[in-house]
Amino acid sequence: IYRCHDDRWIVAVILFGAATFYSYANGQ
């Protein structure tokens, strides 16, 4: 969505990326 339609979605990108990173060791 950030890349195709609305670059304000970069906030959600970072939040979900952090959630992936912290949810499981292999997510790093």
PDB file of all heavy atoms in Angstrom:
ATOM      1  N   ILE A   1       0.839  -1.204   0.000  1.00  0.00           N
ATOM      2  CA  ILE A   1       0.000   0.000   0.000  1.00  0.00           C
ATOM      3  C   ILE A   1       0.875   1.256   0.000  1.00  0.00           C
ATOM      4  O   ILE A   1       0.608   2.226  -0.722  1.00  0.00           O
ATOM      5  CB  ILE A   1      -0.946  -0.002   1.216  1.00  0.00           C
ATOM      6  CG1 ILE A   1      -1.866  -1.226   1.158  1.00  0.00           C
ATOM      7  CG2 ILE A   1      -1.785   1.276   1.243  1.00  0.00           C
ATOM      8  CD1 ILE A   1      -2.757  -1.377   2.373  1.00  0.00           C
ATOM      9  N   TYR A   2       1.929   1.239   0.821  1.00  0.00           N
ATOM     10  CA  TYR A   2       2.863   2.366   0.853  1.00  0.00           C
ATOM     11  C   TYR A   2       3.487   2.601  -0.517  1.00  0.00           C
ATOM     12  O   TYR A   2       3.582   3.744  -0.989  1.00  0.00           O
ATOM     13  CB  TYR A   2       3.944   2.076   1.899  1.00  0.00           C
ATOM     14  CG  TYR A   2       5.272   2.757   1.638  1.00  0.00           C
ATOM     15  CD1 TYR A   2       5.448   4.119   1.872  1.00  0.00           C
ATOM     16  CD2 TYR A   2       6.368   2.022   1.154  1.00  0.00           C
ATOM     17  CE1 TYR A   2       6.674   4.734   1.631  1.00  0.00           C
ATOM     18  CE2 TYR A   2       7.583   2.628   0.909  1.00  0.00           C
ATOM     19  CZ  TYR A   2       7.735   3.983   1.149  1.00  0.00           C
ATOM     20  OH  TYR A   2       8.946   4.590   0.905  1.00  0.00           O
ATOM     21  N   ARG A   3       3.871   1.528  -1.166  1.00  0.00           N
ATOM     22  CA  ARG A   3       4.599   1.648  -2.439  1.00  0.00           C
ATOM     23  C   ARG A   3       3.677   2.014  -3.597  1.00  0.00           C
ATOM     24  O   ARG A   3       4.084   2.726  -4.522  1.00  0.00           O
ATOM     25  CB  ARG A   3       5.309   0.311  -2.737  1.00  0.00           C
ATOM     26  CG  ARG A   3       6.178   0.318  -3.979  1.00  0.00           C
ATOM     27  CD  ARG A   3       7.344   1.267  -3.830  1.00  0.00           C
ATOM     28  NE  ARG A   3       8.201   1.241  -5.000  1.00  0.00           N
ATOM     29  CZ  ARG A   3       7.965   1.892  -6.121  1.00  0.00           C
ATOM     30  NH1 ARG A   3       6.862   2.619  -6.235  1.00  0.00           N
ATOM     31  NH2 ARG A   3       8.831   1.833  -7.131  1.00  0.00           N
ATOM     32  N   CYS A   4       2.424   1.573  -3.528  1.00  0.00           N
ATOM     33  CA  CYS A   4       1.529   1.742  -4.681  1.00  0.00           C
ATOM     34  C   CYS A   4       0.530   2.891  -4.538  1.00  0.00           C
ATOM     35  O   CYS A   4       0.093   3.443  -5.556  1.00  0.00           O
ATOM     36  CB  CYS A   4       0.732   0.459  -4.923  1.00  0.00           C
ATOM     37  SG  CYS A   4       1.744  -0.977  -5.330  1.00  0.00           S
ATOM     38  N   HIS A   5       0.142   3.231  -3.294  1.00  0.00           N
ATOM     39  CA  HIS A   5      -0.993   4.136  -3.163  1.00  0.00           C
ATOM     40  C   HIS A   5      -0.786   5.299  -2.192  1.00  0.00           C
ATOM     41  O   HIS A   5      -1.203   6.416  -2.496  1.00  0.00           O
ATOM     42  CB  HIS A   5      -2.247   3.345  -2.732  1.00  0.00           C
ATOM     43  CG  HIS A   5      -2.721   2.383  -3.761  1.00  0.00           C
ATOM     44  ND1 HIS A   5      -3.442   2.763  -4.867  1.00  0.00           N
ATOM     45  CD2 HIS A   5      -2.539   1.039  -3.870  1.00  0.00           C
ATOM     46  CE1 HIS A   5      -3.700   1.697  -5.618  1.00  0.00           C
ATOM     47  NE2 HIS A   5      -3.160   0.648  -5.032  1.00  0.00           N
ATOM     48  N   ASP A   6      -0.197   5.061  -1.050  1.00  0.00           N
ATOM     49  CA  ASP A   6      -0.162   6.125  -0.047  1.00  0.00           C
ATOM     50  C   ASP A   6       1.086   5.949   0.804  1.00  0.00           C
ATOM     51  O   ASP A   6       1.174   5.016   1.601  1.00  0.00           O
ATOM     52  CB  ASP A   6      -1.417   6.053   0.829  1.00  0.00           C
ATOM     53  CG  ASP A   6      -1.563   7.257   1.751  1.00  0.00           C
ATOM     54  OD1 ASP A   6      -0.566   7.981   1.933  1.00  0.00           O
ATOM     55  OD2 ASP A   6      -2.662   7.462   2.300  1.00  0.00           O
ATOM     56  N   ASP A   7       2.046   6.866   0.639  1.00  0.00           N
ATOM     57  CA  ASP A   7       3.309   6.679   1.351  1.00  0.00           C
ATOM     58  C   ASP A   7       3.195   6.985   2.844  1.00  0.00           C
ATOM     59  O   ASP A   7       4.144   6.774   3.590  1.00  0.00           O
ATOM     60  CB  ASP A   7       4.432   7.487   0.719  1.00  0.00           C
ATOM     61  CG  ASP A   7       4.159   8.976   0.686  1.00  0.00           C
ATOM     62  OD1 ASP A   7       3.161   9.408   1.291  1.00  0.00           O
ATOM     63  OD2 ASP A   7       4.951   9.708   0.067  1.00  0.00           O
ATOM     64  N   ARG A   8       2.024   7.427   3.307  1.00  0.00           N
ATOM     65  CA  ARG A   8       1.832   7.572   4.743  1.00  0.00           C
ATOM     66  C   ARG A   8       1.774   6.212   5.434  1.00  0.00           C
ATOM     67  O   ARG A   8       1.939   6.123   6.649  1.00  0.00           O
ATOM     68  CB  ARG A   8       0.552   8.364   5.030  1.00  0.00           C
ATOM     69  CG  ARG A   8       0.654   9.850   4.682  1.00  0.00           C
ATOM     70  CD  ARG A   8      -0.663  10.554   4.866  1.00  0.00           C
ATOM     71  NE  ARG A   8      -1.684  10.048   3.952  1.00  0.00           N
ATOM     72  CZ  ARG A   8      -2.923  10.519   3.866  1.00  0.00           C
ATOM     73  NH1 ARG A   8      -3.290  11.537   4.645  1.00  0.00           N
ATOM     74  NH2 ARG A   8      -3.795  10.009   3.011  1.00  0.00           N
ATOM     75  N   TRP A   9       1.567   5.169   4.649  1.00  0.00           N
ATOM     76  CA  TRP A   9       1.534   3.815   5.212  1.00  0.00           C
ATOM     77  C   TRP A   9       2.910   3.331   5.646  1.00  0.00           C
ATOM     78  O   TRP A   9       3.057   2.230   6.168  1.00  0.00           O
ATOM     79  CB  TRP A   9       0.932   2.839   4.193  1.00  0.00           C
ATOM     80  CG  TRP A   9      -0.569   2.812   4.290  1.00  0.00           C
ATOM     81  CD1 TRP A   9      -1.429   3.758   3.845  1.00  0.00           C
ATOM     82  CD2 TRP A   9      -1.362   1.789   4.897  1.00  0.00           C
ATOM     83  NE1 TRP A   9      -2.725   3.395   4.116  1.00  0.00           N
ATOM     84  CE2 TRP A   9      -2.717   2.183   4.758  1.00  0.00           C
ATOM     85  CE3 TRP A   9      -1.077   0.592   5.514  1.00  0.00           C
ATOM     86  CZ2 TRP A   9      -3.764   1.407   5.251  1.00  0.00           C
ATOM     87  CZ3 TRP A   9      -2.126  -0.187   5.996  1.00  0.00           C
ATOM     88  CH2 TRP A   9      -3.452   0.233   5.868  1.00  0.00           C
ATOM     89  N   ILE A  10       3.942   4.157   5.453  1.00  0.00           N
ATOM     90  CA  ILE A  10       5.274   3.787   5.924  1.00  0.00           C
ATOM     91  C   ILE A  10       5.272   3.593   7.439  1.00  0.00           C
ATOM     92  O   ILE A  10       6.068   2.807   7.986  1.00  0.00           O
ATOM     93  CB  ILE A  10       6.310   4.862   5.514  1.00  0.00           C
ATOM     94  CG1 ILE A  10       7.736   4.363   5.799  1.00  0.00           C
ATOM     95  CG2 ILE A  10       6.050   6.172   6.233  1.00  0.00           C
ATOM     96  CD1 ILE A  10       8.152   3.156   5.048  1.00  0.00           C
ATOM     97  N   VAL A  11       4.365   4.275   8.143  1.00  0.00           N
ATOM     98  CA  VAL A  11       4.251   4.093   9.593  1.00  0.00           C
ATOM     99  C   VAL A  11       3.844   2.659   9.904  1.00  0.00           C
ATOM    100  O   VAL A  11       4.432   1.996  10.777  1.00  0.00           O
ATOM    101  CB  VAL A  11       3.239   5.097  10.185  1.00  0.00           C
ATOM    102  CG1 VAL A  11       3.030   4.816  11.671  1.00  0.00           C
ATOM    103  CG2 VAL A  11       3.718   6.524   9.968  1.00  0.00           C
ATOM    104  N   ALA A  12       2.834   2.147   9.183  1.00  0.00           N
ATOM    105  CA  ALA A  12       2.399   0.765   9.395  1.00  0.00           C
ATOM    106  C   ALA A  12       3.493  -0.213   8.986  1.00  0.00           C
ATOM    107  O   ALA A  12       3.679  -1.261   9.622  1.00  0.00           O
ATOM    108  CB  ALA A  12       1.121   0.492   8.601  1.00  0.00           C
ATOM    109  N   VAL A  13       4.218   0.122   7.923  1.00  0.00           N
ATOM    110  CA  VAL A  13       5.326  -0.738   7.481  1.00  0.00           C
ATOM    111  C   VAL A  13       6.339  -0.912   8.608  1.00  0.00           C
ATOM    112  O   VAL A  13       6.767  -2.035   8.925  1.00  0.00           O
ATOM    113  CB  VAL A  13       6.010  -0.140   6.227  1.00  0.00           C
ATOM    114  CG1 VAL A  13       7.266  -0.930   5.885  1.00  0.00           C
ATOM    115  CG2 VAL A  13       5.052  -0.139   5.048  1.00  0.00           C
ATOM    116  N   ILE A  14       6.726   0.181   9.218  1.00  0.00           N
ATOM    117  CA  ILE A  14       7.737   0.124  10.281  1.00  0.00           C
ATOM    118  C   ILE A  14       7.196  -0.620  11.500  1.00  0.00           C
ATOM    119  O   ILE A  14       7.897  -1.435  12.115  1.00  0.00           O
ATOM    120  CB  ILE A  14       8.192   1.542  10.654  1.00  0.00           C
ATOM    121  CG1 ILE A  14       8.921   2.179   9.466  1.00  0.00           C
ATOM    122  CG2 ILE A  14       9.095   1.526  11.876  1.00  0.00           C
ATOM    123  CD1 ILE A  14       9.266   3.635   9.667  1.00  0.00           C
ATOM    124  N   LEU A  15       5.933  -0.369  11.856  1.00  0.00           N
ATOM    125  CA  LEU A  15       5.351  -1.026  13.032  1.00  0.00           C
ATOM    126  C   LEU A  15       5.238  -2.532  12.828  1.00  0.00           C
ATOM    127  O   LEU A  15       5.597  -3.323  13.716  1.00  0.00           O
ATOM    128  CB  LEU A  15       3.981  -0.424  13.345  1.00  0.00           C
ATOM    129  CG  LEU A  15       3.980   1.016  13.872  1.00  0.00           C
ATOM    130  CD1 LEU A  15       2.553   1.524  14.035  1.00  0.00           C
ATOM    131  CD2 LEU A  15       4.734   1.106  15.191  1.00  0.00           C
ATOM    132  N   PHE A  16       4.747  -2.949  11.666  1.00  0.00           N
ATOM    133  CA  PHE A  16       4.636  -4.389  11.402  1.00  0.00           C
ATOM    134  C   PHE A  16       6.016  -5.026  11.240  1.00  0.00           C
ATOM    135  O   PHE A  16       6.213  -6.186  11.615  1.00  0.00           O
ATOM    136  CB  PHE A  16       3.784  -4.643  10.159  1.00  0.00           C
ATOM    137  CG  PHE A  16       2.308  -4.618  10.427  1.00  0.00           C
ATOM    138  CD1 PHE A  16       1.488  -3.699   9.783  1.00  0.00           C
ATOM    139  CD2 PHE A  16       1.734  -5.510  11.316  1.00  0.00           C
ATOM    140  CE1 PHE A  16       0.124  -3.665  10.026  1.00  0.00           C
ATOM    141  CE2 PHE A  16       0.360  -5.488  11.565  1.00  0.00           C
ATOM    142  CZ  PHE A  16      -0.441  -4.557  10.925  1.00  0.00           C
ATOM    143  N   GLY A  17       6.957  -4.270  10.669  1.00  0.00           N
ATOM    144  CA  GLY A  17       8.314  -4.806  10.571  1.00  0.00           C
ATOM    145  C   GLY A  17       8.920  -5.027  11.946  1.00  0.00           C
ATOM    146  O   GLY A  17       9.570  -6.055  12.201  1.00  0.00           O
ATOM    147  N   ALA A  18       8.702  -4.082  12.860  1.00  0.00           N
ATOM    148  CA  ALA A  18       9.194  -4.241  14.231  1.00  0.00           C
ATOM    149  C   ALA A  18       8.501  -5.410  14.921  1.00  0.00           C
ATOM    150  O   ALA A  18       9.130  -6.177  15.667  1.00  0.00           O
ATOM    151  CB  ALA A  18       8.974  -2.953  15.017  1.00  0.00           C
ATOM    152  N   ALA A  19       7.204  -5.568  14.688  1.00  0.00           N
ATOM    153  CA  ALA A  19       6.476  -6.692  15.284  1.00  0.00           C
ATOM    154  C   ALA A  19       7.026  -8.023  14.785  1.00  0.00           C
ATOM    155  O   ALA A  19       7.164  -8.985  15.560  1.00  0.00           O
ATOM    156  CB  ALA A  19       4.989  -6.577  14.959  1.00  0.00           C
ATOM    157  N   THR A  20       7.358  -8.092  13.502  1.00  0.00           N
ATOM    158  CA  THR A  20       7.973  -9.303  12.957  1.00  0.00           C
ATOM    159  C   THR A  20       9.319  -9.563  13.612  1.00  0.00           C
ATOM    160  O   THR A  20       9.648 -10.693  13.996  1.00  0.00           O
ATOM    161  CB  THR A  20       8.163  -9.173  11.432  1.00  0.00           C
ATOM    162  OG1 THR A  20       6.907  -8.851  10.819  1.00  0.00           O
ATOM    163  CG2 THR A  20       8.704 -10.457  10.831  1.00  0.00           C
ATOM    164  N   PHE A  21      10.092  -8.524  13.764  1.00  0.00           N
ATOM    165  CA  PHE A  21      11.438  -8.610  14.351  1.00  0.00           C
ATOM    166  C   PHE A  21      11.385  -9.127  15.784  1.00  0.00           C
ATOM    167  O   PHE A  21      12.190  -9.973  16.190  1.00  0.00           O
ATOM    168  CB  PHE A  21      12.084  -7.226  14.300  1.00  0.00           C
ATOM    169  CG  PHE A  21      13.502  -7.178  14.767  1.00  0.00           C
ATOM    170  CD1 PHE A  21      14.542  -7.329  13.869  1.00  0.00           C
ATOM    171  CD2 PHE A  21      13.807  -6.959  16.103  1.00  0.00           C
ATOM    172  CE1 PHE A  21      15.871  -7.268  14.298  1.00  0.00           C
ATOM    173  CE2 PHE A  21      15.123  -6.892  16.542  1.00  0.00           C
ATOM    174  CZ  PHE A  21      16.156  -7.056  15.631  1.00  0.00           C
ATOM    175  N   TYR A  22      10.428  -8.637  16.567  1.00  0.00           N
ATOM    176  CA  TYR A  22      10.373  -8.966  17.995  1.00  0.00           C
ATOM    177  C   TYR A  22       9.488 -10.172  18.310  1.00  0.00           C
ATOM    178  O   TYR A  22       9.491 -10.642  19.450  1.00  0.00           O
ATOM    179  CB  TYR A  22       9.880  -7.758  18.794  1.00  0.00           C
ATOM    180  CG  TYR A  22      10.886  -6.644  18.875  1.00  0.00           C
ATOM    181  CD1 TYR A  22      10.699  -5.456  18.178  1.00  0.00           C
ATOM    182  CD2 TYR A  22      12.041  -6.777  19.638  1.00  0.00           C
ATOM    183  CE1 TYR A  22      11.623  -4.428  18.253  1.00  0.00           C
ATOM    184  CE2 TYR A  22      12.981  -5.756  19.709  1.00  0.00           C
ATOM    185  CZ  TYR A  22      12.763  -4.580  19.015  1.00  0.00           C
ATOM    186  OH  TYR A  22      13.689  -3.570  19.079  1.00  0.00           O
ATOM    187  N   SER A  23       8.747 -10.663  17.345  1.00  0.00           N
ATOM    188  CA  SER A  23       7.831 -11.763  17.644  1.00  0.00           C
ATOM    189  C   SER A  23       8.528 -13.105  17.740  1.00  0.00           C
ATOM    190  O   SER A  23       8.046 -14.016  18.427  1.00  0.00           O
ATOM    191  CB  SER A  23       6.725 -11.827  16.581  1.00  0.00           C
ATOM    192  OG  SER A  23       7.281 -12.006  15.291  1.00  0.00           O
ATOM    193  N   TYR A  24       9.679 -13.260  17.067  1.00  0.00           N
ATOM    194  CA  TYR A  24      10.359 -14.562  17.032  1.00  0.00           C
ATOM    195  C   TYR A  24      11.819 -14.307  16.684  1.00  0.00           C
ATOM    196  O   TYR A  24      12.114 -13.429  15.873  1.00  0.00           O
ATOM    197  CB  TYR A  24       9.691 -15.451  15.982  1.00  0.00           C
ATOM    198  CG  TYR A  24      10.210 -16.862  15.860  1.00  0.00           C
ATOM    199  CD1 TYR A  24      10.536 -17.612  16.973  1.00  0.00           C
ATOM    200  CD2 TYR A  24      10.336 -17.449  14.606  1.00  0.00           C
ATOM    201  CE1 TYR A  24      10.989 -18.916  16.848  1.00  0.00           C
ATOM    202  CE2 TYR A  24      10.784 -18.757  14.469  1.00  0.00           C
ATOM    203  CZ  TYR A  24      11.112 -19.486  15.595  1.00  0.00           C
ATOM    204  OH  TYR A  24      11.569 -20.773  15.474  1.00  0.00           O
ATOM    205  N   ALA A  25      12.713 -15.054  17.292  1.00  0.00           N
ATOM    206  CA  ALA A  25      14.140 -14.823  17.064  1.00  0.00           C
ATOM    207  C   ALA A  25      14.491 -14.873  15.583  1.00  0.00           C
ATOM    208  O   ALA A  25      15.285 -14.062  15.091  1.00  0.00           O
ATOM    209  CB  ALA A  25      14.961 -15.842  17.850  1.00  0.00           C
ATOM    210  N   ASN A  26      13.895 -15.821  14.851  1.00  0.00           N
ATOM    211  CA  ASN A  26      14.189 -15.932  13.427  1.00  0.00           C
ATOM    212  C   ASN A  26      13.576 -14.789  12.619  1.00  0.00           C
ATOM    213  O   ASN A  26      13.951 -14.578  11.464  1.00  0.00           O
ATOM    214  CB  ASN A  26      13.698 -17.279  12.894  1.00  0.00           C
ATOM    215  CG  ASN A  26      14.545 -18.418  13.416  1.00  0.00           C
ATOM    216  OD1 ASN A  26      15.760 -18.388  13.327  1.00  0.00           O
ATOM    217  ND2 ASN A  26      13.910 -19.418  13.994  1.00  0.00           N
ATOM    218  N   GLY A  27      12.637 -14.074  13.203  1.00  0.00           N
ATOM    219  CA  GLY A  27      12.093 -12.904  12.531  1.00  0.00           C
ATOM    220  C   GLY A  27      13.127 -11.812  12.333  1.00  0.00           C
ATOM    221  O   GLY A  27      12.989 -10.984  11.433  1.00  0.00           O
ATOM    222  N   GLN A  28      14.174 -11.820  13.162  1.00  0.00           N
ATOM    223  CA  GLN A  28      15.235 -10.835  12.991  1.00  0.00           C
ATOM    224  C   GLN A  28      15.932 -11.021  11.645  1.00  0.00           C
ATOM    225  O   GLN A  28      16.196 -10.060  10.922  1.00  0.00           O
ATOM    226  CB  GLN A  28      16.240 -10.957  14.136  1.00  0.00           C
ATOM    227  CG  GLN A  28      15.654 -10.663  15.498  1.00  0.00           C
ATOM    228  CD  GLN A  28      16.670 -10.817  16.612  1.00  0.00           C
ATOM    229  OE1 GLN A  28      17.865 -10.933  16.367  1.00  0.00           O
ATOM    230  NE2 GLN A  28      16.200 -10.810  17.853  1.00  0.00           N
TER     231      GLN A  28
END
